[in-house]
Amino acid sequence: MKVVNQNIEIDGIDKTILRALMRDARTPILAIAKEVGVSGAAIHQRLRKLEASGIISGSKFVINPKVLGYTTMAFIGIYLDKAMSNPKAVKQLEKIPEVLECHYTTGNWSIFIKILCRDNEHLMHLLNKDIQSIPGVSRTETFISLAQQIDRQIEL
């Protein structure tokens, strides 16, 4: 079955390549070629096509934050006094290295962020000194993650 979206077509071979790289981005091209039954050059060509189409938007190493002493993950709903405050608030949040994600949302909050801290004391410091002091932030609502139970990408 081919998936077609905005003139982008991926077939079974593309899916096999993507699944292998999603499992381990360091999988050797020749190992993928052997699994698929095509040449390494064909895999390289398909990878270039997938990158050019935007399906693959990069690769990265995943750092284990706990090894570096970051053990508290939290999600914070941020209420803004005015919608106009959003761009300015996001600019300030970008300056806080512990903020991993920032989403403009529907619902109760204007902004929803994912933050990683060393411990609860570090989290409290960031909330009080850095986040709640941003002009336009009227209040916050914090949820501490006890354990991440699912971590995956979209299934192909």
N, C-alpha and C. Protein backbone atom coordinates (compact mmCIF):
# COMPACT_ATOMS: atom_id res chain seq x y z
N MET A 1 0.84 -1.19 0.00
CA MET A 1 0.00 0.00 0.00
C MET A 1 0.88 1.24 0.00
N LYS A 2 0.58 2.17 -0.87
CA LYS A 2 1.32 3.43 -0.93
C LYS A 2 0.60 4.49 -0.12
N VAL A 3 1.37 5.28 0.58
CA VAL A 3 0.82 6.43 1.28
C VAL A 3 1.10 7.64 0.42
N VAL A 4 0.06 8.42 0.11
CA VAL A 4 0.24 9.60 -0.71
C VAL A 4 -0.28 10.81 0.06
N ASN A 5 0.56 11.82 0.19
CA ASN A 5 0.17 13.04 0.88
C ASN A 5 0.93 14.20 0.26
N GLN A 6 0.23 15.15 -0.27
CA GLN A 6 0.85 16.35 -0.87
C GLN A 6 1.92 15.96 -1.90
N ASN A 7 1.57 15.08 -2.81
CA ASN A 7 2.48 14.62 -3.87
C ASN A 7 3.68 13.83 -3.37
N ILE A 8 3.64 13.35 -2.13
CA ILE A 8 4.71 12.53 -1.58
C ILE A 8 4.20 11.10 -1.55
N GLU A 9 4.95 10.21 -2.19
CA GLU A 9 4.57 8.80 -2.19
C GLU A 9 5.64 7.99 -1.48
N ILE A 10 5.22 7.14 -0.55
CA ILE A 10 6.15 6.19 0.05
C ILE A 10 5.58 4.79 -0.13
N ASP A 11 6.45 3.87 -0.48
CA ASP A 11 6.01 2.50 -0.71
C ASP A 11 6.54 1.61 0.42
N GLY A 12 6.39 0.31 0.25
CA GLY A 12 6.81 -0.65 1.26
C GLY A 12 8.30 -0.59 1.55
N ILE A 13 9.11 -0.37 0.51
CA ILE A 13 10.56 -0.27 0.72
C ILE A 13 10.89 0.97 1.55
N ASP A 14 10.26 2.09 1.20
CA ASP A 14 10.48 3.33 1.98
C ASP A 14 10.09 3.11 3.44
N LYS A 15 8.96 2.44 3.66
CA LYS A 15 8.49 2.19 5.04
C LYS A 15 9.49 1.32 5.79
N THR A 16 10.02 0.30 5.12
CA THR A 16 11.01 -0.58 5.76
C THR A 16 12.26 0.22 6.14
N ILE A 17 12.71 1.08 5.25
CA ILE A 17 13.87 1.93 5.52
C ILE A 17 13.58 2.83 6.72
N LEU A 18 12.44 3.48 6.70
CA LEU A 18 12.08 4.40 7.78
C LEU A 18 11.95 3.68 9.12
N ARG A 19 11.30 2.51 9.11
CA ARG A 19 11.15 1.75 10.36
C ARG A 19 12.52 1.37 10.93
N ALA A 20 13.42 0.92 10.07
CA ALA A 20 14.77 0.53 10.53
C ALA A 20 15.48 1.72 11.16
N LEU A 21 15.39 2.88 10.52
CA LEU A 21 16.08 4.06 11.03
C LEU A 21 15.40 4.64 12.27
N MET A 22 14.09 4.47 12.39
CA MET A 22 13.39 4.92 13.58
C MET A 22 13.76 4.05 14.79
N ARG A 23 14.00 2.76 14.54
CA ARG A 23 14.45 1.86 15.62
C ARG A 23 15.85 2.25 16.07
N ASP A 24 16.74 2.50 15.09
CA ASP A 24 18.12 2.86 15.39
C ASP A 24 18.68 3.63 14.20
N ALA A 25 18.85 4.93 14.38
CA ALA A 25 19.31 5.79 13.29
C ALA A 25 20.72 5.45 12.84
N ARG A 26 21.44 4.65 13.60
CA ARG A 26 22.80 4.27 13.22
C ARG A 26 22.84 2.92 12.51
N THR A 27 21.68 2.40 12.11
CA THR A 27 21.66 1.14 11.37
C THR A 27 22.43 1.33 10.07
N PRO A 28 23.40 0.46 9.78
CA PRO A 28 24.17 0.61 8.54
C PRO A 28 23.28 0.49 7.30
N ILE A 29 23.56 1.32 6.32
CA ILE A 29 22.81 1.32 5.07
C ILE A 29 22.82 -0.07 4.43
N LEU A 30 23.96 -0.74 4.49
CA LEU A 30 24.05 -2.07 3.87
C LEU A 30 23.19 -3.10 4.59
N ALA A 31 23.01 -2.95 5.90
CA ALA A 31 22.13 -3.86 6.64
C ALA A 31 20.68 -3.64 6.21
N ILE A 32 20.30 -2.39 6.00
CA ILE A 32 18.94 -2.09 5.53
C ILE A 32 18.77 -2.63 4.11
N ALA A 33 19.79 -2.43 3.28
CA ALA A 33 19.74 -2.91 1.89
C ALA A 33 19.55 -4.42 1.84
N LYS A 34 20.26 -5.12 2.72
CA LYS A 34 20.14 -6.58 2.77
C LYS A 34 18.73 -6.99 3.20
N GLU A 35 18.18 -6.29 4.20
CA GLU A 35 16.82 -6.58 4.69
C GLU A 35 15.78 -6.36 3.59
N VAL A 36 15.97 -5.30 2.82
CA VAL A 36 15.01 -4.94 1.78
C VAL A 36 15.23 -5.74 0.49
N GLY A 37 16.49 -6.11 0.23
CA GLY A 37 16.79 -6.84 -0.99
C GLY A 37 17.13 -5.95 -2.17
N VAL A 38 17.71 -4.78 -1.87
CA VAL A 38 18.16 -3.87 -2.93
C VAL A 38 19.59 -3.45 -2.61
N SER A 39 20.20 -2.70 -3.50
CA SER A 39 21.59 -2.27 -3.30
C SER A 39 21.67 -1.12 -2.29
N GLY A 40 22.87 -0.95 -1.74
CA GLY A 40 23.11 0.18 -0.84
C GLY A 40 22.90 1.50 -1.54
N ALA A 41 23.26 1.57 -2.83
CA ALA A 41 23.07 2.80 -3.60
C ALA A 41 21.59 3.14 -3.72
N ALA A 42 20.75 2.10 -3.87
CA ALA A 42 19.31 2.34 -3.96
C ALA A 42 18.76 2.88 -2.65
N ILE A 43 19.29 2.39 -1.53
CA ILE A 43 18.86 2.89 -0.21
C ILE A 43 19.28 4.35 -0.07
N HIS A 44 20.51 4.68 -0.45
CA HIS A 44 20.98 6.07 -0.40
C HIS A 44 20.07 6.98 -1.24
N GLN A 45 19.74 6.54 -2.42
CA GLN A 45 18.89 7.33 -3.31
C GLN A 45 17.52 7.56 -2.68
N ARG A 46 16.95 6.51 -2.10
CA ARG A 46 15.64 6.65 -1.46
C ARG A 46 15.72 7.57 -0.24
N LEU A 47 16.80 7.47 0.51
CA LEU A 47 16.97 8.36 1.66
C LEU A 47 17.05 9.82 1.23
N ARG A 48 17.78 10.09 0.15
CA ARG A 48 17.84 11.47 -0.37
C ARG A 48 16.44 11.95 -0.77
N LYS A 49 15.66 11.07 -1.41
CA LYS A 49 14.30 11.42 -1.82
C LYS A 49 13.43 11.70 -0.58
N LEU A 50 13.56 10.86 0.45
CA LEU A 50 12.76 11.05 1.67
C LEU A 50 13.16 12.33 2.40
N GLU A 51 14.44 12.66 2.40
CA GLU A 51 14.89 13.92 3.01
C GLU A 51 14.39 15.11 2.21
N ALA A 52 14.49 15.04 0.89
CA ALA A 52 14.04 16.15 0.03
C ALA A 52 12.54 16.38 0.16
N SER A 53 11.78 15.32 0.41
CA SER A 53 10.33 15.45 0.54
C SER A 53 9.91 16.02 1.89
N GLY A 54 10.84 16.00 2.86
CA GLY A 54 10.51 16.51 4.19
C GLY A 54 10.05 15.42 5.15
N ILE A 55 9.89 14.19 4.67
CA ILE A 55 9.47 13.10 5.57
C ILE A 55 10.53 12.89 6.64
N ILE A 56 11.79 12.90 6.25
CA ILE A 56 12.89 12.84 7.22
C ILE A 56 13.36 14.27 7.42
N SER A 57 13.30 14.72 8.66
CA SER A 57 13.67 16.12 8.91
C SER A 57 14.93 16.23 9.75
N GLY A 58 15.71 15.18 9.80
CA GLY A 58 16.96 15.25 10.54
C GLY A 58 17.19 13.96 11.31
N SER A 59 18.29 13.93 12.00
CA SER A 59 18.60 12.81 12.89
C SER A 59 19.28 13.40 14.11
N LYS A 60 19.21 12.66 15.21
CA LYS A 60 19.81 13.19 16.43
C LYS A 60 20.15 12.05 17.37
N PHE A 61 21.06 12.32 18.27
CA PHE A 61 21.35 11.41 19.36
C PHE A 61 20.41 11.76 20.50
N VAL A 62 19.98 10.77 21.24
CA VAL A 62 19.08 10.99 22.37
C VAL A 62 19.92 10.90 23.65
N ILE A 63 19.94 11.99 24.39
CA ILE A 63 20.69 12.07 25.64
C ILE A 63 19.79 11.55 26.77
N ASN A 64 20.35 10.76 27.66
CA ASN A 64 19.60 10.30 28.82
C ASN A 64 19.73 11.37 29.92
N PRO A 65 18.68 12.17 30.14
CA PRO A 65 18.79 13.28 31.09
C PRO A 65 19.03 12.83 32.53
N LYS A 66 18.56 11.64 32.90
CA LYS A 66 18.74 11.17 34.28
C LYS A 66 20.22 11.00 34.61
N VAL A 67 21.00 10.56 33.63
CA VAL A 67 22.44 10.40 33.83
C VAL A 67 23.09 11.75 34.13
N LEU A 68 22.53 12.82 33.57
CA LEU A 68 23.04 14.17 33.81
C LEU A 68 22.43 14.83 35.05
N GLY A 69 21.57 14.09 35.76
CA GLY A 69 20.99 14.61 36.99
C GLY A 69 19.64 15.29 36.85
N TYR A 70 19.02 15.21 35.67
CA TYR A 70 17.70 15.80 35.47
C TYR A 70 16.64 14.72 35.66
N THR A 71 15.97 14.74 36.81
CA THR A 71 15.06 13.66 37.16
C THR A 71 13.59 14.07 37.24
N THR A 72 13.31 15.35 37.17
CA THR A 72 11.93 15.83 37.29
C THR A 72 11.44 16.39 35.96
N MET A 73 10.46 15.72 35.39
CA MET A 73 9.82 16.19 34.16
C MET A 73 8.45 16.74 34.56
N ALA A 74 8.13 17.91 34.02
CA ALA A 74 6.84 18.51 34.34
C ALA A 74 6.22 19.12 33.09
N PHE A 75 4.93 19.22 33.13
CA PHE A 75 4.16 19.89 32.08
C PHE A 75 3.47 21.06 32.74
N ILE A 76 3.56 22.21 32.10
CA ILE A 76 3.02 23.43 32.72
C ILE A 76 2.07 24.11 31.75
N GLY A 77 0.84 24.30 32.22
CA GLY A 77 -0.13 25.08 31.48
C GLY A 77 0.04 26.53 31.89
N ILE A 78 0.21 27.41 30.91
CA ILE A 78 0.46 28.82 31.20
C ILE A 78 -0.74 29.65 30.73
N TYR A 79 -1.29 30.40 31.65
CA TYR A 79 -2.39 31.32 31.35
C TYR A 79 -1.78 32.69 31.05
N LEU A 80 -2.17 33.27 29.94
CA LEU A 80 -1.72 34.61 29.60
C LEU A 80 -2.85 35.59 29.81
N ASP A 81 -2.52 36.83 30.19
CA ASP A 81 -3.56 37.83 30.40
C ASP A 81 -4.21 38.27 29.09
N LYS A 82 -3.44 38.22 27.98
CA LYS A 82 -3.97 38.60 26.66
C LYS A 82 -3.36 37.68 25.62
N ALA A 83 -4.10 37.38 24.58
CA ALA A 83 -3.57 36.57 23.49
C ALA A 83 -2.37 37.25 22.83
N MET A 84 -2.36 38.59 22.85
CA MET A 84 -1.26 39.34 22.24
C MET A 84 0.06 39.06 22.95
N SER A 85 0.01 38.57 24.19
CA SER A 85 1.22 38.30 24.96
C SER A 85 1.94 37.04 24.48
N ASN A 86 1.29 36.20 23.67
CA ASN A 86 1.87 34.91 23.29
C ASN A 86 3.26 35.00 22.66
N PRO A 87 3.45 35.78 21.59
CA PRO A 87 4.80 35.81 20.98
C PRO A 87 5.89 36.27 21.95
N LYS A 88 5.59 37.25 22.77
CA LYS A 88 6.57 37.75 23.73
C LYS A 88 6.88 36.71 24.80
N ALA A 89 5.84 36.02 25.25
CA ALA A 89 6.04 34.99 26.27
C ALA A 89 6.88 33.84 25.71
N VAL A 90 6.60 33.44 24.49
CA VAL A 90 7.37 32.35 23.86
C VAL A 90 8.83 32.75 23.71
N LYS A 91 9.09 33.99 23.34
CA LYS A 91 10.48 34.48 23.23
C LYS A 91 11.21 34.34 24.57
N GLN A 92 10.52 34.65 25.66
CA GLN A 92 11.12 34.52 26.99
C GLN A 92 11.31 33.05 27.37
N LEU A 93 10.34 32.21 27.04
CA LEU A 93 10.46 30.78 27.34
C LEU A 93 11.62 30.14 26.57
N GLU A 94 11.88 30.63 25.36
CA GLU A 94 13.00 30.10 24.56
C GLU A 94 14.33 30.33 25.26
N LYS A 95 14.41 31.32 26.12
CA LYS A 95 15.65 31.63 26.83
C LYS A 95 15.90 30.69 28.02
N ILE A 96 14.91 29.89 28.37
CA ILE A 96 15.04 28.96 29.52
C ILE A 96 15.42 27.60 28.97
N PRO A 97 16.66 27.16 29.17
CA PRO A 97 17.12 25.91 28.55
C PRO A 97 16.34 24.67 29.00
N GLU A 98 15.75 24.71 30.17
CA GLU A 98 15.01 23.56 30.68
C GLU A 98 13.67 23.34 29.97
N VAL A 99 13.20 24.35 29.23
CA VAL A 99 11.96 24.21 28.47
C VAL A 99 12.26 23.42 27.20
N LEU A 100 11.71 22.21 27.12
CA LEU A 100 11.99 21.31 25.99
C LEU A 100 10.99 21.48 24.85
N GLU A 101 9.74 21.76 25.19
CA GLU A 101 8.70 21.94 24.18
C GLU A 101 7.79 23.07 24.62
N CYS A 102 7.20 23.71 23.62
CA CYS A 102 6.25 24.80 23.89
C CYS A 102 5.16 24.71 22.83
N HIS A 103 3.92 24.64 23.28
CA HIS A 103 2.79 24.48 22.36
C HIS A 103 1.75 25.57 22.60
N TYR A 104 1.27 26.17 21.53
CA TYR A 104 0.13 27.09 21.59
C TYR A 104 -1.10 26.20 21.53
N THR A 105 -2.00 26.30 22.50
CA THR A 105 -3.07 25.32 22.61
C THR A 105 -4.46 25.94 22.63
N THR A 106 -5.43 25.05 22.43
CA THR A 106 -6.82 25.41 22.68
C THR A 106 -7.11 25.01 24.12
N GLY A 107 -8.26 25.36 24.62
CA GLY A 107 -8.62 24.96 25.98
C GLY A 107 -8.27 26.04 26.99
N ASN A 108 -8.01 25.60 28.21
CA ASN A 108 -7.82 26.52 29.32
C ASN A 108 -6.55 27.36 29.22
N TRP A 109 -5.46 26.74 28.77
CA TRP A 109 -4.18 27.45 28.76
C TRP A 109 -3.92 28.08 27.41
N SER A 110 -3.12 29.12 27.42
CA SER A 110 -2.67 29.73 26.17
C SER A 110 -1.49 28.96 25.63
N ILE A 111 -0.60 28.54 26.55
CA ILE A 111 0.63 27.85 26.19
C ILE A 111 0.77 26.64 27.10
N PHE A 112 1.29 25.56 26.55
CA PHE A 112 1.56 24.35 27.32
C PHE A 112 3.01 23.97 27.07
N ILE A 113 3.81 23.84 28.14
CA ILE A 113 5.23 23.54 27.96
C ILE A 113 5.61 22.24 28.66
N LYS A 114 6.68 21.64 28.15
CA LYS A 114 7.31 20.48 28.77
C LYS A 114 8.66 20.96 29.28
N ILE A 115 8.95 20.66 30.54
CA ILE A 115 10.16 21.18 31.16
C ILE A 115 10.88 20.05 31.90
N LEU A 116 12.20 20.11 31.90
CA LEU A 116 13.01 19.09 32.56
C LEU A 116 13.90 19.77 33.59
N CYS A 117 13.82 19.28 34.84
CA CYS A 117 14.57 19.91 35.94
C CYS A 117 15.37 18.85 36.70
N ARG A 118 16.31 19.33 37.49
CA ARG A 118 17.11 18.41 38.30
C ARG A 118 16.26 17.76 39.39
N ASP A 119 15.38 18.55 40.01
CA ASP A 119 14.55 18.06 41.10
C ASP A 119 13.39 19.03 41.31
N ASN A 120 12.56 18.78 42.31
CA ASN A 120 11.40 19.64 42.56
C ASN A 120 11.82 21.05 42.98
N GLU A 121 12.92 21.16 43.68
CA GLU A 121 13.40 22.49 44.09
C GLU A 121 13.80 23.32 42.86
N HIS A 122 14.47 22.69 41.92
CA HIS A 122 14.84 23.35 40.67
C HIS A 122 13.58 23.77 39.92
N LEU A 123 12.59 22.89 39.87
CA LEU A 123 11.31 23.20 39.22
C LEU A 123 10.65 24.42 39.87
N MET A 124 10.62 24.43 41.20
CA MET A 124 10.00 25.55 41.92
C MET A 124 10.73 26.85 41.62
N HIS A 125 12.05 26.79 41.56
CA HIS A 125 12.84 27.99 41.24
C HIS A 125 12.49 28.50 39.84
N LEU A 126 12.45 27.59 38.85
CA LEU A 126 12.12 28.01 37.49
C LEU A 126 10.72 28.60 37.40
N LEU A 127 9.77 27.98 38.09
CA LEU A 127 8.40 28.50 38.09
C LEU A 127 8.36 29.91 38.68
N ASN A 128 8.92 30.06 39.86
CA ASN A 128 8.83 31.35 40.58
C ASN A 128 9.68 32.45 39.98
N LYS A 129 10.88 32.14 39.58
CA LYS A 129 11.82 33.18 39.13
C LYS A 129 11.79 33.42 37.63
N ASP A 130 11.58 32.37 36.84
CA ASP A 130 11.72 32.51 35.39
C ASP A 130 10.39 32.53 34.64
N ILE A 131 9.50 31.62 34.96
CA ILE A 131 8.28 31.48 34.15
C ILE A 131 7.19 32.45 34.61
N GLN A 132 6.89 32.46 35.90
CA GLN A 132 5.81 33.32 36.39
C GLN A 132 6.17 34.80 36.37
N SER A 133 7.43 35.12 36.17
CA SER A 133 7.83 36.53 36.10
C SER A 133 7.79 37.07 34.67
N ILE A 134 7.45 36.22 33.70
CA ILE A 134 7.37 36.67 32.30
C ILE A 134 6.17 37.62 32.17
N PRO A 135 6.37 38.80 31.60
CA PRO A 135 5.25 39.73 31.41
C PRO A 135 4.15 39.08 30.58
N GLY A 136 2.92 39.18 31.07
CA GLY A 136 1.78 38.59 30.38
C GLY A 136 1.32 37.28 30.98
N VAL A 137 2.19 36.62 31.74
CA VAL A 137 1.80 35.36 32.39
C VAL A 137 0.98 35.71 33.63
N SER A 138 -0.27 35.27 33.65
CA SER A 138 -1.12 35.56 34.80
C SER A 138 -1.04 34.46 35.85
N ARG A 139 -0.92 33.21 35.43
CA ARG A 139 -0.74 32.10 36.37
C ARG A 139 -0.34 30.85 35.61
N THR A 140 0.05 29.82 36.36
CA THR A 140 0.47 28.56 35.76
C THR A 140 -0.20 27.40 36.49
N GLU A 141 -0.24 26.28 35.82
CA GLU A 141 -0.73 25.04 36.40
C GLU A 141 0.29 23.95 36.06
N THR A 142 0.83 23.29 37.07
CA THR A 142 1.95 22.37 36.87
C THR A 142 1.54 20.93 37.15
N PHE A 143 2.00 20.04 36.27
CA PHE A 143 1.78 18.60 36.42
C PHE A 143 3.14 17.93 36.36
N ILE A 144 3.52 17.23 37.42
CA ILE A 144 4.79 16.53 37.45
C ILE A 144 4.57 15.11 36.91
N SER A 145 5.43 14.71 35.98
CA SER A 145 5.36 13.37 35.42
C SER A 145 6.05 12.40 36.38
N LEU A 146 5.33 11.36 36.78
CA LEU A 146 5.92 10.36 37.67
C LEU A 146 6.73 9.34 36.87
N ALA A 147 6.26 9.02 35.67
CA ALA A 147 6.98 8.08 34.80
C ALA A 147 6.42 8.19 33.39
N GLN A 148 7.31 8.20 32.41
CA GLN A 148 6.88 8.20 31.01
C GLN A 148 6.62 6.76 30.61
N GLN A 149 5.42 6.47 30.15
CA GLN A 149 5.06 5.10 29.87
C GLN A 149 5.08 4.75 28.39
N ILE A 150 4.96 5.74 27.54
CA ILE A 150 5.03 5.51 26.10
C ILE A 150 5.93 6.58 25.51
N ASP A 151 6.82 6.17 24.63
CA ASP A 151 7.70 7.10 23.92
C ASP A 151 7.90 6.52 22.52
N ARG A 152 7.24 7.10 21.54
CA ARG A 152 7.34 6.57 20.19
C ARG A 152 7.04 7.65 19.16
N GLN A 153 7.32 7.30 17.92
CA GLN A 153 6.97 8.14 16.80
C GLN A 153 5.72 7.56 16.14
N ILE A 154 5.21 8.25 15.15
CA ILE A 154 4.05 7.78 14.44
C ILE A 154 4.37 6.45 13.75
N GLU A 155 3.43 5.52 13.77
CA GLU A 155 3.65 4.21 13.17
C GLU A 155 3.49 4.29 11.66
N LEU A 156 4.36 3.60 10.96
CA LEU A 156 4.28 3.54 9.49
C LEU A 156 3.78 2.19 9.05
